N, C-alpha and C. Protein backbone atom coordinates (compact mmCIF):
# COMPACT_ATOMS: atom_id res chain seq x y z
N UNK A 1 -5.93 -0.03 -4.60
CA UNK A 1 -6.06 1.35 -4.11
C UNK A 1 -5.60 1.45 -2.67
N UNK A 2 -4.96 2.57 -2.37
CA UNK A 2 -4.49 2.86 -1.01
C UNK A 2 -5.05 4.21 -0.61
N UNK A 3 -5.59 4.27 0.59
CA UNK A 3 -6.10 5.52 1.12
C UNK A 3 -5.20 5.98 2.27
N UNK A 4 -4.92 7.28 2.28
CA UNK A 4 -4.04 7.87 3.29
C UNK A 4 -4.75 9.05 3.95
N UNK A 5 -4.73 9.08 5.26
CA UNK A 5 -5.37 10.18 5.99
C UNK A 5 -4.37 10.73 6.99
N UNK A 6 -4.00 12.01 6.79
CA UNK A 6 -3.05 12.67 7.69
C UNK A 6 -3.78 13.39 8.82
N UNK A 7 -3.07 13.57 9.91
CA UNK A 7 -3.58 14.36 11.03
C UNK A 7 -2.40 14.87 11.83
N UNK A 8 -2.66 15.85 12.70
CA UNK A 8 -1.64 16.31 13.62
C UNK A 8 -1.04 17.66 13.32
N UNK A 9 -1.43 18.28 12.22
CA UNK A 9 -0.90 19.60 11.92
C UNK A 9 -1.46 20.67 12.83
N UNK A 10 -0.92 21.88 12.70
CA UNK A 10 -1.42 22.98 13.51
C UNK A 10 -0.45 24.13 13.56
N UNK A 11 -0.69 25.04 14.49
CA UNK A 11 0.14 26.22 14.69
C UNK A 11 1.05 25.98 15.89
N UNK A 12 2.34 26.24 15.72
CA UNK A 12 3.29 26.04 16.80
C UNK A 12 4.33 27.16 16.76
N UNK A 13 4.85 27.51 17.91
CA UNK A 13 5.88 28.54 17.97
C UNK A 13 7.24 27.99 17.54
N UNK A 14 8.11 28.85 17.06
CA UNK A 14 9.47 28.39 16.73
C UNK A 14 10.11 27.69 17.92
N UNK A 15 10.78 26.58 17.63
CA UNK A 15 11.38 25.77 18.68
C UNK A 15 10.46 24.70 19.23
N UNK A 16 9.21 24.75 18.85
CA UNK A 16 8.24 23.78 19.35
C UNK A 16 8.25 22.47 18.58
N UNK A 17 7.31 21.60 18.94
CA UNK A 17 7.24 20.27 18.35
C UNK A 17 5.81 19.94 17.92
N UNK A 18 5.73 19.08 16.91
CA UNK A 18 4.46 18.52 16.46
C UNK A 18 4.72 17.09 16.02
N UNK A 19 3.68 16.27 16.09
CA UNK A 19 3.76 14.92 15.54
C UNK A 19 2.63 14.73 14.55
N UNK A 20 3.01 14.42 13.32
CA UNK A 20 2.04 14.12 12.28
C UNK A 20 1.81 12.61 12.20
N UNK A 21 0.59 12.23 11.88
CA UNK A 21 0.24 10.83 11.70
C UNK A 21 -0.36 10.63 10.32
N UNK A 22 -0.12 9.45 9.76
CA UNK A 22 -0.70 9.09 8.47
C UNK A 22 -1.23 7.67 8.58
N UNK A 23 -2.54 7.54 8.56
CA UNK A 23 -3.18 6.22 8.65
C UNK A 23 -3.45 5.71 7.24
N UNK A 24 -2.95 4.52 6.95
CA UNK A 24 -3.10 3.92 5.63
C UNK A 24 -4.11 2.78 5.66
N UNK A 25 -4.85 2.63 4.57
CA UNK A 25 -5.81 1.54 4.45
C UNK A 25 -5.91 1.15 2.99
N UNK A 26 -6.50 -0.02 2.74
CA UNK A 26 -6.67 -0.49 1.37
C UNK A 26 -5.68 -1.60 1.03
N UNK A 27 -5.20 -1.58 -0.21
CA UNK A 27 -4.33 -2.65 -0.73
C UNK A 27 -2.88 -2.40 -0.33
N UNK A 28 -2.60 -2.56 0.94
CA UNK A 28 -1.28 -2.20 1.46
C UNK A 28 -0.20 -3.18 1.04
N UNK A 29 -0.57 -4.36 0.51
CA UNK A 29 0.44 -5.33 0.10
C UNK A 29 1.30 -4.81 -1.04
N UNK A 30 0.78 -3.81 -1.77
CA UNK A 30 1.52 -3.27 -2.92
C UNK A 30 2.45 -2.13 -2.54
N UNK A 31 2.46 -1.73 -1.29
CA UNK A 31 3.24 -0.56 -0.86
C UNK A 31 4.67 -0.98 -0.51
N UNK A 32 5.64 -0.28 -1.10
CA UNK A 32 7.06 -0.54 -0.85
C UNK A 32 7.59 0.27 0.32
N UNK A 33 7.05 1.46 0.50
CA UNK A 33 7.52 2.34 1.54
C UNK A 33 6.58 3.53 1.67
N UNK A 34 6.80 4.30 2.73
CA UNK A 34 5.95 5.47 3.01
C UNK A 34 6.85 6.68 3.23
N UNK A 35 6.26 7.86 3.07
CA UNK A 35 7.07 9.05 3.28
C UNK A 35 6.25 10.29 3.52
N UNK A 36 6.96 11.36 3.81
CA UNK A 36 6.36 12.68 3.99
C UNK A 36 7.02 13.67 3.04
N UNK A 37 6.19 14.51 2.47
CA UNK A 37 6.63 15.59 1.60
C UNK A 37 5.94 16.86 2.08
N UNK A 38 6.46 18.01 1.67
CA UNK A 38 5.83 19.27 2.06
C UNK A 38 5.86 20.27 0.92
N UNK A 39 4.89 21.16 0.96
CA UNK A 39 4.78 22.18 -0.08
C UNK A 39 4.40 23.50 0.56
N UNK A 40 5.31 24.47 0.43
CA UNK A 40 5.04 25.83 0.90
C UNK A 40 4.41 26.62 -0.25
N UNK A 41 3.67 27.69 0.07
CA UNK A 41 3.02 28.49 -0.99
C UNK A 41 4.01 28.96 -2.03
N UNK A 42 3.67 28.73 -3.30
CA UNK A 42 4.52 29.16 -4.39
C UNK A 42 5.70 28.25 -4.68
N UNK A 43 5.84 27.18 -3.91
CA UNK A 43 6.97 26.27 -4.09
C UNK A 43 6.51 24.91 -4.61
N UNK A 44 7.46 24.12 -5.08
CA UNK A 44 7.14 22.76 -5.47
C UNK A 44 7.05 21.89 -4.22
N UNK A 45 6.51 20.68 -4.41
CA UNK A 45 6.43 19.73 -3.31
C UNK A 45 7.80 19.10 -3.11
N UNK A 46 8.31 19.17 -1.89
CA UNK A 46 9.67 18.70 -1.58
C UNK A 46 9.66 17.48 -0.68
N UNK A 47 10.65 16.66 -0.88
CA UNK A 47 10.88 15.47 -0.06
C UNK A 47 11.25 15.88 1.36
N UNK A 48 10.70 15.19 2.36
CA UNK A 48 11.06 15.42 3.76
C UNK A 48 11.72 14.18 4.34
N UNK A 49 11.01 13.04 4.29
CA UNK A 49 11.54 11.81 4.88
C UNK A 49 10.79 10.61 4.32
N UNK A 50 11.49 9.47 4.27
CA UNK A 50 10.88 8.22 3.86
C UNK A 50 11.29 7.09 4.78
N UNK A 51 10.47 6.04 4.80
CA UNK A 51 10.79 4.84 5.55
C UNK A 51 10.33 3.64 4.73
N UNK A 52 11.24 2.67 4.57
CA UNK A 52 10.91 1.49 3.79
C UNK A 52 10.15 0.48 4.65
N UNK A 53 9.65 -0.57 4.00
CA UNK A 53 8.97 -1.63 4.75
C UNK A 53 9.93 -2.29 5.75
N UNK A 54 11.20 -2.26 5.43
CA UNK A 54 12.19 -2.83 6.33
C UNK A 54 12.65 -1.89 7.43
N UNK A 55 12.17 -0.65 7.39
CA UNK A 55 12.51 0.29 8.44
C UNK A 55 13.67 1.22 8.14
N UNK A 56 14.21 1.14 6.93
CA UNK A 56 15.30 2.05 6.56
C UNK A 56 14.74 3.45 6.32
N UNK A 57 15.38 4.44 6.92
CA UNK A 57 14.89 5.82 6.82
C UNK A 57 15.84 6.69 6.00
N UNK A 58 15.28 7.75 5.46
CA UNK A 58 16.05 8.73 4.71
C UNK A 58 15.44 10.09 4.95
N UNK A 59 16.29 11.12 5.09
CA UNK A 59 15.81 12.45 5.43
C UNK A 59 16.40 13.51 4.51
N UNK A 60 15.65 14.56 4.30
CA UNK A 60 16.18 15.74 3.64
C UNK A 60 17.21 16.39 4.58
N UNK A 61 18.24 16.99 4.00
CA UNK A 61 19.28 17.60 4.81
C UNK A 61 18.72 18.66 5.76
N UNK A 62 17.70 19.36 5.30
CA UNK A 62 17.15 20.48 6.08
C UNK A 62 16.44 20.03 7.36
N UNK A 63 16.10 18.75 7.46
CA UNK A 63 15.37 18.28 8.65
C UNK A 63 16.15 17.25 9.46
N UNK A 64 17.31 16.85 8.97
CA UNK A 64 18.11 15.85 9.70
C UNK A 64 18.43 16.34 11.11
N UNK A 65 18.25 15.45 12.07
CA UNK A 65 18.52 15.79 13.45
C UNK A 65 17.35 16.45 14.16
N UNK A 66 16.34 16.87 13.40
CA UNK A 66 15.17 17.52 14.01
C UNK A 66 13.91 16.69 13.82
N UNK A 67 13.77 16.01 12.69
CA UNK A 67 12.57 15.23 12.38
C UNK A 67 12.90 13.74 12.46
N UNK A 68 11.91 12.96 12.88
CA UNK A 68 12.06 11.51 12.92
C UNK A 68 10.82 10.85 12.33
N UNK A 69 11.05 10.00 11.33
CA UNK A 69 9.95 9.24 10.74
C UNK A 69 9.94 7.84 11.36
N UNK A 70 8.75 7.33 11.63
CA UNK A 70 8.62 5.99 12.21
C UNK A 70 7.31 5.38 11.74
N UNK A 71 7.15 4.09 12.01
CA UNK A 71 5.93 3.42 11.58
C UNK A 71 5.48 2.41 12.63
N UNK A 72 4.17 2.23 12.70
CA UNK A 72 3.57 1.21 13.55
C UNK A 72 2.83 0.28 12.61
N UNK A 73 3.44 -0.86 12.29
CA UNK A 73 2.85 -1.76 11.30
C UNK A 73 1.52 -2.34 11.77
N UNK A 74 1.36 -2.51 13.06
CA UNK A 74 0.11 -3.06 13.58
C UNK A 74 -1.06 -2.10 13.34
N UNK A 75 -0.76 -0.81 13.31
CA UNK A 75 -1.79 0.20 13.11
C UNK A 75 -1.80 0.75 11.69
N UNK A 76 -0.88 0.24 10.83
CA UNK A 76 -0.76 0.77 9.47
C UNK A 76 -0.63 2.29 9.47
N UNK A 77 0.20 2.79 10.35
CA UNK A 77 0.33 4.23 10.54
C UNK A 77 1.80 4.63 10.51
N UNK A 78 2.07 5.74 9.84
CA UNK A 78 3.41 6.32 9.79
C UNK A 78 3.36 7.67 10.51
N UNK A 79 4.42 7.97 11.23
CA UNK A 79 4.47 9.19 12.01
C UNK A 79 5.65 10.06 11.54
N UNK A 80 5.51 11.36 11.78
CA UNK A 80 6.63 12.28 11.59
C UNK A 80 6.70 13.14 12.84
N UNK A 81 7.69 12.86 13.67
CA UNK A 81 7.93 13.67 14.86
C UNK A 81 8.82 14.84 14.46
N UNK A 82 8.33 16.04 14.67
CA UNK A 82 9.05 17.24 14.26
C UNK A 82 9.40 18.06 15.50
N UNK A 83 10.69 18.21 15.74
CA UNK A 83 11.19 18.99 16.88
C UNK A 83 11.97 20.20 16.38
N UNK A 84 12.19 21.13 17.28
CA UNK A 84 12.96 22.34 16.96
C UNK A 84 12.46 22.99 15.68
N UNK A 85 11.16 23.15 15.60
CA UNK A 85 10.55 23.67 14.37
C UNK A 85 10.97 25.11 14.11
N UNK A 86 11.11 25.42 12.82
CA UNK A 86 11.52 26.74 12.36
C UNK A 86 10.43 27.33 11.47
N UNK A 87 10.38 28.64 11.35
CA UNK A 87 9.38 29.24 10.45
C UNK A 87 9.45 28.68 9.03
N UNK A 88 10.64 28.33 8.57
CA UNK A 88 10.78 27.79 7.21
C UNK A 88 10.24 26.37 7.06
N UNK A 89 9.82 25.76 8.17
CA UNK A 89 9.16 24.46 8.09
C UNK A 89 7.67 24.61 7.78
N UNK A 90 7.18 25.84 7.76
CA UNK A 90 5.77 26.08 7.46
C UNK A 90 5.43 25.60 6.05
N UNK A 91 4.42 24.74 5.97
CA UNK A 91 4.02 24.14 4.69
C UNK A 91 2.81 23.24 4.91
N UNK A 92 2.25 22.79 3.82
CA UNK A 92 1.29 21.69 3.87
C UNK A 92 2.10 20.40 3.75
N UNK A 93 1.90 19.50 4.69
CA UNK A 93 2.64 18.24 4.72
C UNK A 93 1.75 17.12 4.18
N UNK A 94 2.31 16.38 3.24
CA UNK A 94 1.58 15.31 2.58
C UNK A 94 2.22 13.96 2.88
N UNK A 95 1.37 12.99 3.16
CA UNK A 95 1.82 11.61 3.31
C UNK A 95 1.83 10.94 1.93
N UNK A 96 2.81 10.11 1.71
CA UNK A 96 2.97 9.42 0.42
C UNK A 96 3.14 7.93 0.64
N UNK A 97 2.52 7.14 -0.24
CA UNK A 97 2.76 5.69 -0.27
C UNK A 97 3.33 5.34 -1.63
N UNK A 98 4.50 4.73 -1.61
CA UNK A 98 5.18 4.30 -2.83
C UNK A 98 4.76 2.87 -3.13
N UNK A 99 3.86 2.69 -4.09
CA UNK A 99 3.31 1.37 -4.39
C UNK A 99 3.78 0.90 -5.77
N UNK A 100 3.63 -0.40 -6.02
CA UNK A 100 4.04 -0.96 -7.32
C UNK A 100 3.33 -0.26 -8.47
N UNK A 101 2.07 0.09 -8.27
CA UNK A 101 1.29 0.68 -9.35
C UNK A 101 1.44 2.19 -9.42
N UNK A 102 2.17 2.78 -8.49
CA UNK A 102 2.35 4.23 -8.51
C UNK A 102 2.28 4.83 -7.12
N UNK A 103 2.26 6.16 -7.09
CA UNK A 103 2.23 6.88 -5.82
C UNK A 103 0.80 7.20 -5.40
N UNK A 104 0.59 7.14 -4.09
CA UNK A 104 -0.65 7.61 -3.50
C UNK A 104 -0.33 8.76 -2.55
N UNK A 105 -1.28 9.71 -2.45
CA UNK A 105 -1.08 10.89 -1.61
C UNK A 105 -2.28 11.11 -0.70
N UNK A 106 -1.99 11.63 0.49
CA UNK A 106 -3.06 12.07 1.37
C UNK A 106 -3.52 13.46 0.99
N UNK A 107 -4.46 13.98 1.76
CA UNK A 107 -5.04 15.28 1.45
C UNK A 107 -4.19 16.44 1.95
N UNK A 108 -3.23 16.14 2.82
CA UNK A 108 -2.34 17.16 3.35
C UNK A 108 -2.82 17.72 4.67
N UNK A 109 -1.87 18.15 5.49
CA UNK A 109 -2.18 18.79 6.77
C UNK A 109 -1.26 20.01 6.92
N UNK A 110 -1.84 21.12 7.33
CA UNK A 110 -1.10 22.38 7.41
C UNK A 110 -0.28 22.43 8.70
N UNK A 111 0.98 22.80 8.54
CA UNK A 111 1.86 23.07 9.68
C UNK A 111 2.32 24.52 9.55
N UNK A 112 2.07 25.30 10.57
CA UNK A 112 2.47 26.70 10.59
C UNK A 112 3.34 26.96 11.81
N UNK A 113 4.55 27.46 11.56
CA UNK A 113 5.49 27.76 12.64
C UNK A 113 5.63 29.27 12.71
N UNK A 114 5.10 29.85 13.76
CA UNK A 114 5.07 31.31 13.87
C UNK A 114 4.90 31.71 15.32
N UNK A 115 5.51 32.85 15.64
CA UNK A 115 5.33 33.39 16.99
C UNK A 115 4.18 34.39 17.02
């Protein structure tokens, strides 16, 4: 079992920045990589960014150049630095762990971009 706890969401004006954190605990030896997904009201959950255990990153086209995913292995924590935020980035952001036995999800953190 893997437990994920997100933090760092909130209300920010367009053009602003936020940093999300995801603290992982449990059977981390089974995790291949970590990522962030988001879900806006009425929409499906969409891929945002992933990072492998080796540090390889991948981003959705809509966030390339604005968002950066990183990890601190000593703290078992993954971050999502979000810059130049737009109203269309408003969503609940979920942390994901891709493990051998399946996917694990955090409870989600709300990000609202509005003036």
